Amino acid sequence: MKRVAVISAILEDPENAQSEFNQLVSRFKGIVKGRMGLPMADYGITVIVLTLVGDMDEINGLTGRIGKIDGVQVKTSISKKEV
């Protein structure tokens, strides 16, 4: 069953991580329903929030891959309700 999830990512080194992050997210475009990015140049970081609808394997797969990008911190919240 599918669930709604929110992935929040902080790119601590956006100049080096942004391209890899974008390429990865584009590979999961089937489950990505929304994206909001907030560049925070004054702090040298970028905050990105993704809203997903997918099964647990897809959600965890994307979260795990994002977490492997150097300079990126990631957290995921997943609904208990199946959709």
N, C-alpha and C. Protein backbone atom coordinates (compact mmCIF):
# COMPACT_ATOMS: atom_id res chain seq x y z
N MET A 1 0.83 -1.19 0.00
CA MET A 1 0.00 0.00 0.00
C MET A 1 0.87 1.25 0.00
N LYS A 2 0.29 2.31 -0.49
CA LYS A 2 1.01 3.57 -0.58
C LYS A 2 0.74 4.44 0.64
N ARG A 3 1.71 5.29 0.91
CA ARG A 3 1.61 6.23 2.02
C ARG A 3 2.08 7.60 1.54
N VAL A 4 1.65 8.61 2.27
CA VAL A 4 2.13 9.97 2.02
C VAL A 4 3.36 10.18 2.91
N ALA A 5 4.37 10.79 2.33
CA ALA A 5 5.60 11.06 3.09
C ALA A 5 6.12 12.45 2.77
N VAL A 6 6.86 13.00 3.71
CA VAL A 6 7.54 14.28 3.52
C VAL A 6 9.01 14.07 3.81
N ILE A 7 9.84 14.42 2.85
CA ILE A 7 11.29 14.35 3.03
C ILE A 7 11.79 15.78 3.17
N SER A 8 12.51 16.04 4.23
CA SER A 8 13.16 17.34 4.38
C SER A 8 14.67 17.13 4.29
N ALA A 9 15.29 17.93 3.45
CA ALA A 9 16.73 17.81 3.23
C ALA A 9 17.38 19.17 3.40
N ILE A 10 18.50 19.16 4.08
CA ILE A 10 19.32 20.37 4.22
C ILE A 10 20.62 20.12 3.47
N LEU A 11 20.82 20.92 2.44
CA LEU A 11 22.05 20.83 1.67
C LEU A 11 23.05 21.79 2.30
N GLU A 12 24.00 21.24 3.03
CA GLU A 12 24.97 22.06 3.75
C GLU A 12 26.07 22.59 2.83
N ASP A 13 26.16 21.99 1.65
CA ASP A 13 27.11 22.43 0.64
C ASP A 13 26.38 22.42 -0.71
N PRO A 14 25.43 23.35 -0.89
CA PRO A 14 24.56 23.28 -2.06
C PRO A 14 25.28 23.35 -3.40
N GLU A 15 26.37 24.06 -3.49
CA GLU A 15 27.08 24.17 -4.76
C GLU A 15 27.56 22.80 -5.24
N ASN A 16 27.94 21.93 -4.32
CA ASN A 16 28.45 20.61 -4.70
C ASN A 16 27.38 19.52 -4.68
N ALA A 17 26.30 19.73 -3.92
CA ALA A 17 25.31 18.67 -3.77
C ALA A 17 24.07 18.85 -4.65
N GLN A 18 23.79 20.07 -5.09
CA GLN A 18 22.53 20.36 -5.78
C GLN A 18 22.32 19.53 -7.04
N SER A 19 23.33 19.42 -7.87
CA SER A 19 23.19 18.69 -9.13
C SER A 19 22.87 17.21 -8.89
N GLU A 20 23.61 16.57 -8.00
CA GLU A 20 23.38 15.17 -7.70
C GLU A 20 21.99 14.97 -7.06
N PHE A 21 21.62 15.89 -6.18
CA PHE A 21 20.30 15.83 -5.54
C PHE A 21 19.20 15.91 -6.60
N ASN A 22 19.30 16.88 -7.50
CA ASN A 22 18.27 17.07 -8.54
C ASN A 22 18.17 15.86 -9.46
N GLN A 23 19.30 15.30 -9.85
CA GLN A 23 19.28 14.12 -10.71
C GLN A 23 18.61 12.95 -10.02
N LEU A 24 18.90 12.77 -8.75
CA LEU A 24 18.30 11.68 -7.99
C LEU A 24 16.79 11.86 -7.87
N VAL A 25 16.36 13.04 -7.50
CA VAL A 25 14.92 13.30 -7.35
C VAL A 25 14.20 13.09 -8.68
N SER A 26 14.82 13.47 -9.78
CA SER A 26 14.17 13.30 -11.09
C SER A 26 13.96 11.83 -11.43
N ARG A 27 14.81 10.96 -10.91
CA ARG A 27 14.63 9.52 -11.14
C ARG A 27 13.43 8.96 -10.39
N PHE A 28 12.97 9.68 -9.37
CA PHE A 28 11.82 9.26 -8.57
C PHE A 28 10.60 10.14 -8.86
N LYS A 29 10.57 10.77 -10.03
CA LYS A 29 9.51 11.73 -10.34
C LYS A 29 8.11 11.11 -10.30
N GLY A 30 7.99 9.82 -10.42
CA GLY A 30 6.69 9.17 -10.36
C GLY A 30 6.04 9.23 -8.99
N ILE A 31 6.82 9.37 -7.93
CA ILE A 31 6.25 9.43 -6.58
C ILE A 31 6.32 10.82 -5.98
N VAL A 32 7.07 11.73 -6.61
CA VAL A 32 7.21 13.09 -6.09
C VAL A 32 5.99 13.90 -6.53
N LYS A 33 5.23 14.38 -5.57
CA LYS A 33 4.02 15.15 -5.85
C LYS A 33 4.22 16.65 -5.65
N GLY A 34 5.24 17.03 -4.91
CA GLY A 34 5.51 18.44 -4.69
C GLY A 34 6.93 18.65 -4.20
N ARG A 35 7.42 19.85 -4.48
CA ARG A 35 8.79 20.19 -4.07
C ARG A 35 8.84 21.68 -3.75
N MET A 36 9.49 21.99 -2.65
CA MET A 36 9.69 23.38 -2.27
C MET A 36 11.16 23.55 -1.88
N GLY A 37 11.80 24.51 -2.47
CA GLY A 37 13.20 24.78 -2.15
C GLY A 37 13.36 26.18 -1.60
N LEU A 38 14.20 26.29 -0.60
CA LEU A 38 14.45 27.58 0.03
C LEU A 38 15.96 27.81 0.11
N PRO A 39 16.53 28.54 -0.85
CA PRO A 39 17.95 28.84 -0.76
C PRO A 39 18.19 29.84 0.37
N MET A 40 19.14 29.54 1.20
CA MET A 40 19.46 30.42 2.33
C MET A 40 20.93 30.83 2.22
N ALA A 41 21.18 31.65 1.20
CA ALA A 41 22.56 32.04 0.86
C ALA A 41 23.28 32.68 2.03
N ASP A 42 22.55 33.42 2.88
CA ASP A 42 23.19 34.06 4.03
C ASP A 42 23.81 33.05 4.97
N TYR A 43 23.27 31.82 4.97
CA TYR A 43 23.76 30.77 5.85
C TYR A 43 24.57 29.71 5.10
N GLY A 44 24.62 29.81 3.78
CA GLY A 44 25.38 28.87 2.98
C GLY A 44 24.73 27.51 2.85
N ILE A 45 23.39 27.45 3.00
CA ILE A 45 22.68 26.18 2.88
C ILE A 45 21.44 26.36 2.00
N THR A 46 20.86 25.23 1.61
CA THR A 46 19.58 25.20 0.92
C THR A 46 18.71 24.17 1.62
N VAL A 47 17.45 24.51 1.85
CA VAL A 47 16.49 23.60 2.45
C VAL A 47 15.50 23.18 1.37
N ILE A 48 15.29 21.88 1.23
CA ILE A 48 14.36 21.35 0.23
C ILE A 48 13.40 20.39 0.92
N VAL A 49 12.11 20.54 0.61
CA VAL A 49 11.08 19.66 1.14
C VAL A 49 10.36 18.99 -0.03
N LEU A 50 10.26 17.67 0.03
CA LEU A 50 9.57 16.89 -1.00
C LEU A 50 8.34 16.22 -0.39
N THR A 51 7.23 16.25 -1.11
CA THR A 51 6.04 15.51 -0.71
C THR A 51 5.90 14.34 -1.67
N LEU A 52 5.74 13.14 -1.11
CA LEU A 52 5.71 11.92 -1.91
C LEU A 52 4.45 11.12 -1.64
N VAL A 53 4.05 10.31 -2.62
CA VAL A 53 3.06 9.26 -2.42
C VAL A 53 3.65 8.01 -3.07
N GLY A 54 3.96 7.02 -2.24
CA GLY A 54 4.59 5.81 -2.76
C GLY A 54 4.57 4.71 -1.72
N ASP A 55 5.05 3.54 -2.13
CA ASP A 55 5.13 2.45 -1.16
C ASP A 55 6.39 2.62 -0.32
N MET A 56 6.48 1.86 0.73
CA MET A 56 7.59 2.03 1.68
C MET A 56 8.95 1.82 1.03
N ASP A 57 9.04 0.87 0.11
CA ASP A 57 10.32 0.62 -0.55
C ASP A 57 10.77 1.83 -1.36
N GLU A 58 9.83 2.46 -2.06
CA GLU A 58 10.16 3.64 -2.86
C GLU A 58 10.59 4.81 -1.97
N ILE A 59 9.81 5.06 -0.92
CA ILE A 59 10.10 6.17 -0.01
C ILE A 59 11.45 5.96 0.67
N ASN A 60 11.66 4.77 1.21
CA ASN A 60 12.94 4.48 1.88
C ASN A 60 14.10 4.48 0.90
N GLY A 61 13.85 4.04 -0.32
CA GLY A 61 14.91 4.04 -1.34
C GLY A 61 15.39 5.44 -1.65
N LEU A 62 14.44 6.36 -1.83
CA LEU A 62 14.82 7.74 -2.12
C LEU A 62 15.50 8.38 -0.91
N THR A 63 14.94 8.17 0.28
CA THR A 63 15.54 8.74 1.49
C THR A 63 16.98 8.24 1.66
N GLY A 64 17.19 6.96 1.50
CA GLY A 64 18.52 6.38 1.66
C GLY A 64 19.53 6.93 0.68
N ARG A 65 19.10 7.08 -0.57
CA ARG A 65 20.01 7.62 -1.58
C ARG A 65 20.34 9.09 -1.33
N ILE A 66 19.33 9.86 -0.90
CA ILE A 66 19.60 11.26 -0.58
C ILE A 66 20.60 11.35 0.57
N GLY A 67 20.44 10.49 1.56
CA GLY A 67 21.32 10.48 2.72
C GLY A 67 22.77 10.15 2.41
N LYS A 68 23.01 9.53 1.25
CA LYS A 68 24.37 9.18 0.85
C LYS A 68 25.10 10.30 0.12
N ILE A 69 24.38 11.37 -0.20
CA ILE A 69 25.02 12.50 -0.88
C ILE A 69 25.82 13.29 0.15
N ASP A 70 27.08 13.54 -0.15
CA ASP A 70 27.93 14.31 0.76
C ASP A 70 27.35 15.70 1.01
N GLY A 71 27.33 16.10 2.26
CA GLY A 71 26.88 17.44 2.61
C GLY A 71 25.37 17.60 2.68
N VAL A 72 24.63 16.48 2.72
CA VAL A 72 23.17 16.55 2.79
C VAL A 72 22.68 15.81 4.04
N GLN A 73 21.84 16.49 4.81
CA GLN A 73 21.17 15.89 5.97
C GLN A 73 19.71 15.67 5.58
N VAL A 74 19.16 14.50 5.91
CA VAL A 74 17.81 14.18 5.47
C VAL A 74 17.01 13.52 6.60
N LYS A 75 15.71 13.87 6.65
CA LYS A 75 14.77 13.24 7.57
C LYS A 75 13.47 13.02 6.81
N THR A 76 12.75 11.96 7.18
CA THR A 76 11.50 11.63 6.52
C THR A 76 10.40 11.38 7.54
N SER A 77 9.23 11.91 7.25
CA SER A 77 8.03 11.62 8.04
C SER A 77 7.06 10.88 7.12
N ILE A 78 6.50 9.78 7.62
CA ILE A 78 5.62 8.95 6.80
C ILE A 78 4.29 8.79 7.52
N SER A 79 3.20 8.96 6.77
CA SER A 79 1.87 8.81 7.37
C SER A 79 1.63 7.37 7.78
N LYS A 80 0.87 7.21 8.84
CA LYS A 80 0.46 5.87 9.27
C LYS A 80 -0.68 5.36 8.39
N LYS A 81 -1.44 6.30 7.87
CA LYS A 81 -2.61 5.97 7.05
C LYS A 81 -2.16 5.54 5.65
N GLU A 82 -2.70 4.43 5.20
CA GLU A 82 -2.43 3.98 3.84
C GLU A 82 -3.40 4.66 2.89
N VAL A 83 -2.91 5.04 1.71
CA VAL A 83 -3.76 5.71 0.73
C VAL A 83 -3.84 4.89 -0.55
